Amino acid sequence: QVQLVESGGGMVQTGGSLRLSCAASGRTFSSYAMGWFRQVPGKEREFVATISSRSGGSTYYADSVKGRFTISRDNDKNTVYLRMNSLKPEDTAVYYCAADRSLLRLGVSPREYDYWGQGTQVTVSS
């Protein structure tokens, strides 16, 4: 069982930056692939980024955030991060982190993830 707690959300102007953090409980954090998703009211949860388990040597991003967002992990701190630069109003959403028990997958579907945090709101004003 893994518990995930996101933090770092807030309100920022267009072009600004934020760094989201997701702290995980448990001693097996490094064995999980981790992902970030986002959701706005009335829409399905949308894939943002994922990072592989262990050293996190592999990452994958949605086209809409590629080049602006960076996912990383610190296994010593049981934390995964999402650095968001050049933010746009369309990035406004609740951001969720998620953990995937699969060792080999970089999942892009919410169905591929086993554990979820409660979410943190990101609002980008124009």
Foldseek 3Di string as FASTA:
>chain_A
DKAKAKDWADEEAQQAKTKMKIAIDDLCLQQWKKFKWWDDPPDDIFGAKIFAGHQRPDMDGDPVQPPFWDWHDDSVRRMIMIIGGRDDQVVWTWMKMFIANDRPDRDGDPVRTDYIYPTDTHGYHD
